[in-house]
C-alpha atoms as a PDB file:
ATOM      1  CA  MET A   1    -100.522  28.213  30.164  1.00  0.00           C
ATOM      2  CA  SER A   2     -97.236  27.431  31.877  1.00  0.00           C
ATOM      3  CA  GLU A   3     -97.540  23.738  31.071  1.00  0.00           C
ATOM      4  CA  LYS A   4     -98.043  24.526  27.387  1.00  0.00           C
ATOM      5  CA  LYS A   5     -94.815  26.561  27.239  1.00  0.00           C
ATOM      6  CA  ASP A   6     -92.876  23.761  28.917  1.00  0.00           C
ATOM      7  CA  SER A   7     -94.093  21.306  26.314  1.00  0.00           C
ATOM      8  CA  VAL A   8     -92.988  23.529  23.432  1.00  0.00           C
ATOM      9  CA  PHE A   9     -89.577  24.024  25.035  1.00  0.00           C
ATOM     10  CA  GLN A  10     -89.074  20.284  25.350  1.00  0.00           C
ATOM     11  CA  VAL A  11     -89.860  19.812  21.652  1.00  0.00           C
ATOM     12  CA  TYR A  12     -87.172  22.385  20.686  1.00  0.00           C
ATOM     13  CA  ILE A  13     -84.581  20.654  22.830  1.00  0.00           C
ATOM     14  CA  THR A  14     -85.374  17.302  21.169  1.00  0.00           C
ATOM     15  CA  GLU A  15     -84.960  18.742  17.675  1.00  0.00           C
ATOM     16  CA  ILE A  16     -81.662  20.352  18.573  1.00  0.00           C
ATOM     17  CA  ALA A  17     -80.345  17.109  20.010  1.00  0.00           C
ATOM     18  CA  PHE A  18     -81.414  15.202  16.893  1.00  0.00           C
ATOM     19  CA  THR A  19     -79.664  17.719  14.661  1.00  0.00           C
ATOM     20  CA  LEU A  20     -76.441  17.459  16.638  1.00  0.00           C
ATOM     21  CA  ILE A  21     -76.521  13.668  16.420  1.00  0.00           C
ATOM     22  CA  LEU A  22     -77.019  13.887  12.631  1.00  0.00           C
ATOM     23  CA  LEU A  23     -74.010  16.224  12.263  1.00  0.00           C
ATOM     24  CA  LEU A  24     -71.873  13.880  14.307  1.00  0.00           C
ATOM     25  CA  VAL A  25     -72.879  10.969  12.067  1.00  0.00           C
ATOM     26  CA  LEU A  26     -71.964  12.979   8.951  1.00  0.00           C
ATOM     27  CA  LEU A  27     -68.593  13.934  10.361  1.00  0.00           C
ATOM     28  CA  LEU A  28     -67.935  10.321  11.281  1.00  0.00           C
ATOM     29  CA  GLY A  29     -68.844   9.215   7.737  1.00  0.00           C
ATOM     30  CA  ILE A  30     -66.453  11.748   6.181  1.00  0.00           C
ATOM     31  CA  LYS A  31     -63.677  10.573   8.494  1.00  0.00           C
ATOM     32  CA  LEU A  32     -64.337   6.958   7.575  1.00  0.00           C
ATOM     33  CA  MET A  33     -64.231   7.774   3.824  1.00  0.00           C
ATOM     34  CA  HIS A  34     -60.939   9.616   4.252  1.00  0.00           C
ATOM     35  CA  ASN A  35     -59.458   6.674   6.136  1.00  0.00           C
ATOM     36  CA  ALA A  36     -60.682   4.308   3.409  1.00  0.00           C
ATOM     37  CA  ASP A  37     -58.851   6.371   0.726  1.00  0.00           C
ATOM     38  CA  GLU A  38     -55.671   6.288   2.755  1.00  0.00           C
ATOM     39  CA  LEU A  39     -55.981   2.549   3.152  1.00  0.00           C
ATOM     40  CA  ASN A  40     -56.435   2.108  -0.604  1.00  0.00           C
ATOM     41  CA  GLN A  41     -53.341   4.200  -1.319  1.00  0.00           C
ATOM     42  CA  GLN A  42     -51.337   2.231   1.213  1.00  0.00           C
ATOM     43  CA  HIS A  43     -52.574  -0.981  -0.353  1.00  0.00           C
ATOM     44  CA  GLU A  44     -51.453   0.126  -3.823  1.00  0.00           C
ATOM     45  CA  THR A  45     -48.054   1.091  -2.424  1.00  0.00           C
ATOM     46  CA  ILE A  46     -47.729  -2.306  -0.784  1.00  0.00           C
ATOM     47  CA  VAL A  47     -48.627  -4.043  -4.063  1.00  0.00           C
ATOM     48  CA  ARG A  48     -45.942  -2.062  -5.956  1.00  0.00           C
ATOM     49  CA  GLN A  49     -43.364  -2.829  -3.291  1.00  0.00           C
ATOM     50  CA  GLU A  50     -44.269  -6.509  -3.448  1.00  0.00           C
ATOM     51  CA  GLN A  51     -43.867  -6.443  -7.272  1.00  0.00           C
ATOM     52  CA  LYS A  52     -40.434  -4.876  -6.952  1.00  0.00           C
ATOM     53  CA  LEU A  53     -39.532  -7.450  -4.319  1.00  0.00           C
ATOM     54  CA  ILE A  54     -40.555 -10.245  -6.683  1.00  0.00           C
ATOM     55  CA  GLU A  55     -38.431  -8.723  -9.482  1.00  0.00           C
ATOM     56  CA  MET A  56     -35.467  -8.419  -7.145  1.00  0.00           C
ATOM     57  CA  LYS A  57     -35.893 -12.061  -6.089  1.00  0.00           C
ATOM     58  CA  GLU A  58     -35.966 -13.129  -9.752  1.00  0.00           C
ATOM     59  CA  ALA A  59     -32.818 -11.100 -10.455  1.00  0.00           C
ATOM     60  CA  LEU A  60     -31.097 -12.638  -7.452  1.00  0.00           C
ATOM     61  CA  THR A  61     -32.075 -16.098  -8.702  1.00  0.00           C
ATOM     62  CA  ARG A  62     -30.585 -15.354 -12.148  1.00  0.00           C
ATOM     63  CA  ILE A  63     -27.360 -14.074 -10.610  1.00  0.00           C
ATOM     64  CA  THR A  64     -27.110 -17.204  -8.517  1.00  0.00           C
ATOM     65  CA  GLN A  65     -28.020 -19.578 -11.344  1.00  0.00           C
ATOM     66  CA  TYR A  66     -26.242 -18.030 -14.377  1.00  0.00           C
ATOM     67  CA  GLY A  67     -23.737 -15.585 -12.934  1.00  0.00           C
ATOM     68  CA  GLY A  68     -25.622 -12.665 -14.584  1.00  0.00           C
ATOM     69  CA  ILE A  69     -29.005 -10.984 -14.613  1.00  0.00           C
ATOM     70  CA  CYS A  70     -30.039 -12.381 -17.989  1.00  0.00           C
ATOM     71  CA  ARG A  71     -31.280 -15.836 -18.785  1.00  0.00           C
ATOM     72  CA  PRO A  72     -30.599 -17.274 -22.269  1.00  0.00           C
ATOM     73  CA  ASP A  73     -33.624 -17.268 -24.522  1.00  0.00           C
ATOM     74  CA  GLU A  74     -34.154 -20.935 -25.296  1.00  0.00           C
ATOM     75  CA  ASP A  75     -36.612 -20.152 -28.138  1.00  0.00           C
ATOM     76  CA  GLY A  76     -34.401 -17.501 -29.780  1.00  0.00           C
ATOM     77  CA  PRO A  77     -31.899 -18.123 -32.622  1.00  0.00           C
ATOM     78  CA  VAL A  78     -28.266 -18.780 -31.893  1.00  0.00           C
ATOM     79  CA  ASP A  79     -26.654 -15.284 -31.813  1.00  0.00           C
ATOM     80  CA  PRO A  80     -23.429 -14.216 -30.051  1.00  0.00           C
ATOM     81  CA  MET A  81     -25.153 -10.940 -29.087  1.00  0.00           C
ATOM     82  CA  MET A  82     -28.298 -12.692 -27.787  1.00  0.00           C
ATOM     83  CA  PRO A  83     -27.331 -12.617 -24.069  1.00  0.00           C
ATOM     84  CA  CYS A  84     -26.423  -8.900 -24.366  1.00  0.00           C
ATOM     85  CA  ASN A  85     -29.687  -8.120 -26.132  1.00  0.00           C
ATOM     86  CA  LYS A  86     -31.526  -9.988 -23.420  1.00  0.00           C
ATOM     87  CA  CYS A  87     -29.700  -8.080 -20.690  1.00  0.00           C
ATOM     88  CA  VAL A  88     -30.464  -4.672 -22.201  1.00  0.00           C
ATOM     89  CA  SER A  89     -34.041  -5.785 -22.775  1.00  0.00           C
ATOM     90  CA  VAL A  90     -34.492  -6.747 -19.128  1.00  0.00           C
ATOM     91  CA  ILE A  91     -32.680  -3.729 -17.673  1.00  0.00           C
ATOM     92  CA  GLY A  92     -34.292  -1.186 -19.967  1.00  0.00           C
ATOM     93  CA  LYS A  93     -37.655  -2.958 -19.959  1.00  0.00           C
ATOM     94  CA  ILE A  94     -37.791  -2.866 -23.767  1.00  0.00           C
ATOM     95  CA  SER A  95     -38.205  -5.500 -26.456  1.00  0.00           C
ATOM     96  CA  LYS A  96     -35.275  -7.573 -27.645  1.00  0.00           C
ATOM     97  CA  ASP A  97     -35.417  -5.895 -31.087  1.00  0.00           C
ATOM     98  CA  ASP A  98     -35.212  -2.451 -29.488  1.00  0.00           C
ATOM     99  CA  ALA A  99     -32.367  -3.667 -27.306  1.00  0.00           C
ATOM    100  CA  ALA A 100     -30.464  -4.853 -30.394  1.00  0.00           C
ATOM    101  CA  LYS A 101     -31.020  -1.442 -32.043  1.00  0.00           C
ATOM    102  CA  ALA A 102     -29.826   0.334 -28.900  1.00  0.00           C
ATOM    103  CA  ILE A 103     -26.623  -1.728 -28.790  1.00  0.00           C
ATOM    104  CA  ASP A 104     -25.973  -1.137 -32.510  1.00  0.00           C
ATOM    105  CA  ILE A 105     -26.524   2.622 -32.214  1.00  0.00           C
ATOM    106  CA  GLY A 106     -24.348   2.791 -29.095  1.00  0.00           C
ATOM    107  CA  ARG A 107     -21.517   0.957 -30.810  1.00  0.00           C
ATOM    108  CA  LYS A 108     -21.650   3.364 -33.809  1.00  0.00           C
ATOM    109  CA  VAL A 109     -21.744   6.410 -31.502  1.00  0.00           C
ATOM    110  CA  VAL A 110     -18.615   5.190 -29.697  1.00  0.00           C
ATOM    111  CA  GLU A 111     -16.902   4.571 -33.046  1.00  0.00           C
ATOM    112  CA  GLN A 112     -17.661   8.142 -34.147  1.00  0.00           C
ATOM    113  CA  TRP A 113     -16.496   9.502 -30.813  1.00  0.00           C
ATOM    114  CA  ASN A 114     -13.182   7.654 -31.019  1.00  0.00           C
ATOM    115  CA  ALA A 115     -12.673   8.755 -34.638  1.00  0.00           C
ATOM    116  CA  HIS A 116     -13.546  12.454 -34.281  1.00  0.00           C
ATOM    117  CA  LYS A 117     -13.267  13.401 -30.611  1.00  0.00           C
ATOM    118  CA  LYS A 118     -11.568  16.695 -29.819  1.00  0.00           C
ATOM    119  CA  ASP A 119      -9.204  17.471 -26.975  1.00  0.00           C
ATOM    120  CA  GLY A 120     -11.104  18.447 -23.839  1.00  0.00           C
ATOM    121  CA  GLN A 121     -14.450  17.286 -25.215  1.00  0.00           C
ATOM    122  CA  ASP A 122     -16.626  15.359 -22.782  1.00  0.00           C
ATOM    123  CA  PHE A 123     -18.269  12.129 -23.952  1.00  0.00           C
ATOM    124  CA  LYS A 124     -21.269  12.671 -21.691  1.00  0.00           C
ATOM    125  CA  GLN A 125     -21.917  16.053 -23.266  1.00  0.00           C
ATOM    126  CA  PHE A 126     -21.455  14.479 -26.686  1.00  0.00           C
ATOM    127  CA  ALA A 127     -23.976  11.752 -25.849  1.00  0.00           C
ATOM    128  CA  ASN A 128     -26.438  14.267 -24.370  1.00  0.00           C
ATOM    129  CA  ASP A 129     -26.257  16.360 -27.550  1.00  0.00           C
ATOM    130  CA  LEU A 130     -27.001  13.273 -29.609  1.00  0.00           C
ATOM    131  CA  LEU A 131     -29.937  12.318 -27.384  1.00  0.00           C
ATOM    132  CA  ASN A 132     -31.367  15.834 -27.493  1.00  0.00           C
ATOM    133  CA  THR A 133     -31.074  15.909 -31.256  1.00  0.00           C
ATOM    134  CA  ALA A 134     -32.702  12.477 -31.568  1.00  0.00           C
ATOM    135  CA  SER A 135     -35.533  13.639 -29.296  1.00  0.00           C
ATOM    136  CA  LEU A 136     -36.186  16.720 -31.435  1.00  0.00           C
ATOM    137  CA  ILE A 137     -36.176  14.695 -34.645  1.00  0.00           C
ATOM    138  CA  ALA A 138     -38.512  12.083 -33.127  1.00  0.00           C
ATOM    139  CA  GLN A 139     -40.938  14.878 -32.170  1.00  0.00           C
ATOM    140  CA  GLY A 140     -40.898  16.248 -35.692  1.00  0.00           C
ATOM    141  CA  GLU A 141     -38.969  19.372 -34.726  1.00  0.00           C
ATOM    142  CA  ARG A 142     -35.860  20.829 -36.330  1.00  0.00           C
ATOM    143  CA  PRO A 143     -32.590  20.744 -34.383  1.00  0.00           C
ATOM    144  CA  ALA A 144     -30.804  24.048 -33.979  1.00  0.00           C
ATOM    145  CA  PHE A 145     -27.993  23.114 -36.367  1.00  0.00           C
ATOM    146  CA  GLU A 146     -30.547  22.058 -38.985  1.00  0.00           C
ATOM    147  CA  GLY A 147     -32.162  25.488 -38.770  1.00  0.00           C
ATOM    148  CA  GLU A 148     -28.773  27.149 -39.165  1.00  0.00           C
ATOM    149  CA  LEU A 149     -27.983  24.869 -42.091  1.00  0.00           C
ATOM    150  CA  ALA A 150     -31.353  25.652 -43.704  1.00  0.00           C
ATOM    151  CA  ASP A 151     -30.739  29.376 -43.251  1.00  0.00           C
ATOM    152  CA  ARG A 152     -27.294  29.020 -44.774  1.00  0.00           C
ATOM    153  CA  ILE A 153     -28.712  27.088 -47.720  1.00  0.00           C
ATOM    154  CA  LYS A 154     -31.382  29.770 -48.141  1.00  0.00           C
ATOM    155  CA  ALA A 155     -28.734  32.500 -48.105  1.00  0.00           C
ATOM    156  CA  LEU A 156     -26.589  30.614 -50.622  1.00  0.00           C
ATOM    157  CA  THR A 157     -29.641  30.105 -52.847  1.00  0.00           C
ATOM    158  CA  ALA A 158     -30.387  33.834 -52.746  1.00  0.00           C
ATOM    159  CA  GLU A 159     -26.722  34.574 -53.460  1.00  0.00           C
ATOM    160  CA  LYS A 160     -26.793  32.156 -56.386  1.00  0.00           C
ATOM    161  CA  LYS A 161     -29.897  33.864 -57.758  1.00  0.00           C
ATOM    162  CA  SER A 162     -28.215  37.259 -57.390  1.00  0.00           C
ATOM    163  CA  LEU A 163     -25.100  35.998 -59.165  1.00  0.00           C
ATOM    164  CA  GLU A 164     -27.241  34.558 -61.962  1.00  0.00           C
ATOM    165  CA  GLN A 165     -28.938  37.943 -62.376  1.00  0.00           C
ATOM    166  CA  GLN A 166     -25.559  39.685 -62.426  1.00  0.00           C
ATOM    167  CA  MET A 167     -24.305  37.147 -64.950  1.00  0.00           C
ATOM    168  CA  GLN A 168     -27.349  37.795 -67.131  1.00  0.00           C
ATOM    169  CA  ALA A 169     -26.757  41.547 -66.880  1.00  0.00           C
ATOM    170  CA  LEU A 170     -23.094  41.032 -67.847  1.00  0.00           C
ATOM    171  CA  GLU A 171     -24.129  38.896 -70.799  1.00  0.00           C
ATOM    172  CA  GLU A 172     -26.504  41.657 -71.919  1.00  0.00           C
ATOM    173  CA  GLN A 173     -23.743  44.223 -71.520  1.00  0.00           C
ATOM    174  CA  LEU A 174     -21.418  41.967 -73.497  1.00  0.00           C
ATOM    175  CA  ALA A 175     -24.002  41.739 -76.262  1.00  0.00           C
ATOM    176  CA  ASP A 176     -24.374  45.533 -76.182  1.00  0.00           C
ATOM    177  CA  SER A 177     -20.611  45.960 -76.278  1.00  0.00           C
ATOM    178  CA  LYS A 178     -20.433  43.703 -79.315  1.00  0.00           C
ATOM    179  CA  THR A 179     -23.113  45.838 -80.959  1.00  0.00           C
ATOM    180  CA  LEU A 180     -21.212  48.997 -80.044  1.00  0.00           C
ATOM    181  CA  GLU A 181     -18.008  47.502 -81.364  1.00  0.00           C
ATOM    182  CA  SER A 182     -19.775  46.636 -84.600  1.00  0.00           C
ATOM    183  CA  ASN A 183     -21.125  50.192 -84.826  1.00  0.00           C
ATOM    184  CA  LEU A 184     -17.661  51.565 -84.148  1.00  0.00           C
ATOM    185  CA  GLN A 185     -16.177  49.455 -86.907  1.00  0.00           C
ATOM    186  CA  THR A 186     -18.916  50.701 -89.217  1.00  0.00           C
ATOM    187  CA  CYS A 187     -18.143  54.299 -88.255  1.00  0.00           C
ATOM    188  CA  LEU A 188     -14.434  53.786 -88.778  1.00  0.00           C
ATOM    189  CA  ALA A 189     -15.090  52.257 -92.177  1.00  0.00           C
ATOM    190  CA  SER A 190     -17.426  55.130 -93.005  1.00  0.00           C
ATOM    191  CA  ASN A 191     -14.826  57.679 -91.930  1.00  0.00           C
ATOM    192  CA  ALA A 192     -12.195  55.953 -94.005  1.00  0.00           C
ATOM    193  CA  PHE A 193     -14.565  56.014 -96.971  1.00  0.00           C
ATOM    194  CA  TYR A 194     -15.224  59.741 -96.557  1.00  0.00           C
ATOM    195  CA  LYS A 195     -11.533  60.462 -96.123  1.00  0.00           C
ATOM    196  CA  ARG A 196     -10.745  58.686 -99.388  1.00  0.00           C
ATOM    197  CA  ARG A 197     -13.699  60.281-101.130  1.00  0.00           C
ATOM    198  CA  ALA A 198     -12.939  63.823-100.014  1.00  0.00           C
ATOM    199  CA  GLY A 199      -9.176  63.542 -99.913  1.00  0.00           C
ATOM    200  CA  LEU A 200      -9.195  64.558 -96.224  1.00  0.00           C
ATOM    201  CA  ASP A 201      -6.497  63.835 -93.676  1.00  0.00           C
ATOM    202  CA  ASN A 202      -8.958  63.524 -90.770  1.00  0.00           C
ATOM    203  CA  PRO A 203     -12.600  62.405 -90.589  1.00  0.00           C
ATOM    204  CA  PRO A 204     -15.432  64.826 -89.748  1.00  0.00           C
ATOM    205  CA  CYS A 205     -15.861  65.487 -86.020  1.00  0.00           C
ATOM    206  CA  TRP A 206     -19.620  65.379 -86.449  1.00  0.00           C
ATOM    207  CA  LEU A 207     -21.543  62.884 -88.569  1.00  0.00           C
ATOM    208  CA  THR A 208     -25.317  63.039 -88.982  1.00  0.00           C
ATOM    209  CA  LYS A 209     -27.578  60.029 -88.724  1.00  0.00           C
ATOM    210  CA  ASN A 210     -27.279  59.775 -92.494  1.00  0.00           C
ATOM    211  CA  ASN A 211     -23.465  59.629 -92.255  1.00  0.00           C
ATOM    212  CA  LYS A 212     -23.048  63.160 -93.606  1.00  0.00           C
ATOM    213  CA  PRO A 213     -20.769  65.829 -92.087  1.00  0.00           C
ATOM    214  CA  GLY A 214     -22.309  68.081 -89.471  1.00  0.00           C
ATOM    215  CA  TYR A 215     -21.485  71.796 -89.822  1.00  0.00           C
ATOM    216  CA  ILE A 216     -20.498  74.031 -86.905  1.00  0.00           C
ATOM    217  CA  PHE A 217     -20.383  77.524 -88.556  1.00  0.00           C
ATOM    218  CA  ASN A 218     -21.643  79.390 -91.605  1.00  0.00           C
ATOM    219  CA  VAL A 219     -18.909  81.825 -92.686  1.00  0.00           C
ATOM    220  CA  THR A 220     -19.359  84.633 -95.229  1.00  0.00           C
ATOM    221  CA  LEU A 221     -16.171  86.308 -96.545  1.00  0.00           C
ATOM    222  CA  LEU A 222     -16.430  90.063 -97.024  1.00  0.00           C
ATOM    223  CA  PRO A 223     -14.133  92.665 -98.601  1.00  0.00           C
ATOM    224  CA  ASP A 224     -11.777  94.717 -96.457  1.00  0.00           C
ATOM    225  CA  ASP A 225     -10.638  91.617 -94.428  1.00  0.00           C
ATOM    226  CA  LYS A 226     -13.973  91.131 -92.749  1.00  0.00           C
ATOM    227  CA  LEU A 227     -16.385  88.246 -92.427  1.00  0.00           C
ATOM    228  CA  ILE A 228     -19.674  87.203 -90.838  1.00  0.00           C
ATOM    229  CA  VAL A 229     -19.895  84.082 -88.640  1.00  0.00           C
ATOM    230  CA  ASP A 230     -23.204  82.481 -87.788  1.00  0.00           C
ATOM    231  CA  ARG A 231     -24.498  79.265 -86.272  1.00  0.00           C
ATOM    232  CA  GLY A 232     -24.179  76.361 -88.676  1.00  0.00           C
ATOM    233  CA  TRP A 233     -25.154  73.332 -86.560  1.00  0.00           C
ATOM    234  CA  SER A 234     -28.511  71.579 -86.495  1.00  0.00           C
ATOM    235  CA  GLU A 235     -30.422  70.624 -83.354  1.00  0.00           C
ATOM    236  CA  GLU A 236     -28.768  67.229 -83.544  1.00  0.00           C
ATOM    237  CA  PHE A 237     -25.446  68.838 -82.505  1.00  0.00           C
ATOM    238  CA  ALA A 238     -26.741  71.679 -80.294  1.00  0.00           C
ATOM    239  CA  SER A 239     -25.572  70.123 -77.015  1.00  0.00           C
ATOM    240  CA  LYS A 240     -22.107  69.363 -78.400  1.00  0.00           C
ATOM    241  CA  ALA A 241     -21.723  72.889 -79.764  1.00  0.00           C
ATOM    242  CA  ALA A 242     -22.706  74.413 -76.407  1.00  0.00           C
ATOM    243  CA  GLU A 243     -19.792  72.578 -74.740  1.00  0.00           C
ATOM    244  CA  LEU A 244     -17.145  74.137 -77.004  1.00  0.00           C
ATOM    245  CA  ALA A 245     -15.407  77.252 -75.597  1.00  0.00           C
ATOM    246  CA  PRO A 246     -14.740  78.834 -79.053  1.00  0.00           C
ATOM    247  CA  VAL A 247     -18.460  78.665 -79.808  1.00  0.00           C
ATOM    248  CA  GLN A 248     -19.222  80.467 -76.543  1.00  0.00           C
ATOM    249  CA  GLU A 249     -16.698  83.195 -77.458  1.00  0.00           C
ATOM    250  CA  LEU A 250     -18.431  83.900 -80.789  1.00  0.00           C
ATOM    251  CA  GLN A 251     -22.054  83.832 -79.688  1.00  0.00           C
ATOM    252  CA  ASP A 252     -22.163  87.593 -79.066  1.00  0.00           C
ATOM    253  CA  VAL A 253     -20.970  88.374 -82.625  1.00  0.00           C
ATOM    254  CA  PHE A 254     -23.058  85.816 -84.541  1.00  0.00           C
ATOM    255  CA  GLY A 255     -24.502  87.538 -87.637  1.00  0.00           C
ATOM    256  CA  LYS A 256     -22.270  90.600 -87.272  1.00  0.00           C
ATOM    257  CA  GLU A 257     -19.315  91.817 -89.347  1.00  0.00           C
ATOM    258  CA  ILE A 258     -16.018  91.182 -87.580  1.00  0.00           C
ATOM    259  CA  PRO A 259     -12.380  91.388 -88.683  1.00  0.00           C
ATOM    260  CA  VAL A 260     -10.846  88.204 -90.031  1.00  0.00           C
ATOM    261  CA  SER A 261      -8.133  88.606 -87.384  1.00  0.00           C
ATOM    262  CA  GLN A 262     -10.788  88.199 -84.645  1.00  0.00           C
ATOM    263  CA  PHE A 263     -11.891  84.884 -86.140  1.00  0.00           C
ATOM    264  CA  LEU A 264      -8.420  83.399 -86.685  1.00  0.00           C
ATOM    265  CA  PRO A 265      -7.822  82.524 -82.930  1.00  0.00           C
ATOM    266  CA  VAL A 266     -11.074  80.568 -83.007  1.00  0.00           C
ATOM    267  CA  VAL A 267      -9.758  78.718 -86.079  1.00  0.00           C
ATOM    268  CA  GLN A 268      -6.628  77.677 -84.174  1.00  0.00           C
ATOM    269  CA  LYS A 269      -8.575  76.600 -81.059  1.00  0.00           C
ATOM    270  CA  MET A 270     -10.963  74.468 -83.127  1.00  0.00           C
ATOM    271  CA  ARG A 271      -7.974  72.794 -84.778  1.00  0.00           C
ATOM    272  CA  GLN A 272      -6.506  71.967 -81.352  1.00  0.00           C
ATOM    273  CA  ILE A 273      -9.845  70.528 -80.216  1.00  0.00           C
ATOM    274  CA  GLY A 274      -9.953  68.351 -83.345  1.00  0.00           C
ATOM    275  CA  ASP A 275      -6.364  67.162 -82.858  1.00  0.00           C
ATOM    276  CA  GLN A 276      -7.075  66.160 -79.206  1.00  0.00           C
ATOM    277  CA  THR A 277     -10.256  64.230 -80.014  1.00  0.00           C
ATOM    278  CA  LYS A 278     -10.106  60.535 -79.107  1.00  0.00           C
ATOM    279  CA  PRO A 279      -9.804  57.873 -80.372  1.00  0.00           C
ATOM    280  CA  GLU A 280      -8.944  59.680 -83.628  1.00  0.00           C
ATOM    281  CA  ALA A 281      -8.257  63.274 -84.560  1.00  0.00           C
ATOM    282  CA  CYS A 282     -10.966  64.999 -86.577  1.00  0.00           C
ATOM    283  CA  ARG A 283     -11.936  68.306 -88.193  1.00  0.00           C
ATOM    284  CA  HIS A 284     -15.107  70.368 -88.007  1.00  0.00           C
ATOM    285  CA  PHE A 285     -16.876  71.455 -91.168  1.00  0.00           C
ATOM    286  CA  VAL A 286     -17.995  74.992 -92.051  1.00  0.00           C
ATOM    287  CA  ARG A 287     -20.104  76.333 -94.907  1.00  0.00           C
ATOM    288  CA  LEU A 288     -18.195  79.062 -96.707  1.00  0.00           C
ATOM    289  CA  ARG A 289     -19.666  81.736 -98.987  1.00  0.00           C
ATOM    290  CA  ASN A 290     -17.301  84.165-100.721  1.00  0.00           C
ATOM    291  CA  THR A 291     -18.286  87.725-101.648  1.00  0.00           C
ATOM    292  CA  ILE A 292     -14.732  89.070-102.127  1.00  0.00           C
ATOM    293  CA  PRO A 293     -14.299  90.136-105.767  1.00  0.00           C
ATOM    294  CA  ASP A 294     -10.501  89.992-105.651  1.00  0.00           C
ATOM    295  CA  ARG A 295      -9.524  86.334-106.213  1.00  0.00           C
ATOM    296  CA  PRO A 296      -6.043  86.402-104.546  1.00  0.00           C
ATOM    297  CA  THR A 297      -7.508  88.056-101.454  1.00  0.00           C
ATOM    298  CA  ALA A 298     -10.334  85.527-101.314  1.00  0.00           C
ATOM    299  CA  ASP A 299      -7.934  82.575-101.731  1.00  0.00           C
ATOM    300  CA  ARG A 300      -5.686  83.890 -98.947  1.00  0.00           C
ATOM    301  CA  THR A 301      -8.662  84.100 -96.546  1.00  0.00           C
ATOM    302  CA  ARG A 302      -9.828  80.615 -97.549  1.00  0.00           C
ATOM    303  CA  ILE A 303      -6.409  79.173 -96.730  1.00  0.00           C
ATOM    304  CA  GLN A 304      -6.463  80.831 -93.305  1.00  0.00           C
ATOM    305  CA  ILE A 305      -9.841  79.270 -92.507  1.00  0.00           C
ATOM    306  CA  GLU A 306      -8.742  75.872 -93.832  1.00  0.00           C
ATOM    307  CA  GLN A 307      -6.035  75.791 -91.153  1.00  0.00           C
ATOM    308  CA  GLY A 308      -8.677  74.707 -88.633  1.00  0.00           C
ATOM    309  CA  PHE A 309     -11.735  73.640 -90.650  1.00  0.00           C
ATOM    310  CA  TYR A 310     -12.878  71.640 -93.616  1.00  0.00           C
ATOM    311  CA  LYS A 311     -15.033  73.868 -95.817  1.00  0.00           C
ATOM    312  CA  PHE A 312     -17.934  73.311 -98.118  1.00  0.00           C
ATOM    313  CA  GLU A 313     -18.262  76.340-100.375  1.00  0.00           C
ATOM    314  CA  VAL A 314     -21.726  77.523-101.323  1.00  0.00           C
ATOM    315  CA  GLN A 315     -22.907  80.272-103.646  1.00  0.00           C
END
């Protein structure tokens, strides 16, 4: 029984030893792979350094042979700028066409700088601004100043539209004013016609839509120096009548007998209102009905009323 246990124990020790050896092999393999990567990287670095060394040797040869870093292009056309183009091409590692463009752009930039430079302005900052702007444009983006310019153009366009609308409104107002002026001339001609026709010194203060006088009061003359005053205006003139102070004074006695002497101050006030009317003095019309049998008395009362009104006598 003891021998059997010893045998099993030996087997376990063998397996453990084998496992440890396997782990060591794996660790060694990982280390070797890591070292191989480092060697590859070092090799690439060496190759790049060798390439730079070759380029430096070629440059040194050109300096020694031609006194510069550029060799003339034997296959290129005869051009005074050809050596410069070649130099920029070699230094910037760009094509000769791009080098020629770079030289041309640089020359124009310097010309602009010399023509428009401001005191205290730095050329490096000027060149950096140009390069930044060129970079934005090349990427299809809008430079800051272009955005500001676009916003300004947009604002000016909106302002132009607003001014056009205002101009249109003014033109409409002008057309309306011409219409109003024409209507005014028609009214003045109509007033002149009525003045000639009726033998009146002033035109009616109120004219209906049919160019007929509008009446403010209906007055009935009574014996014993009395009269009755009542509303004479139509709805067309209701708002205008309500604004007149003499009308407001008489509202409480409309349809009632009152002394002529109570009505005479209203006559004078209505005359003053007519005289102060702009642009032309006018008179209000009243309908007058006489019931006074004595003719001289009736005529005297008529004359008193005519001091402030034009009358149209009815039966």
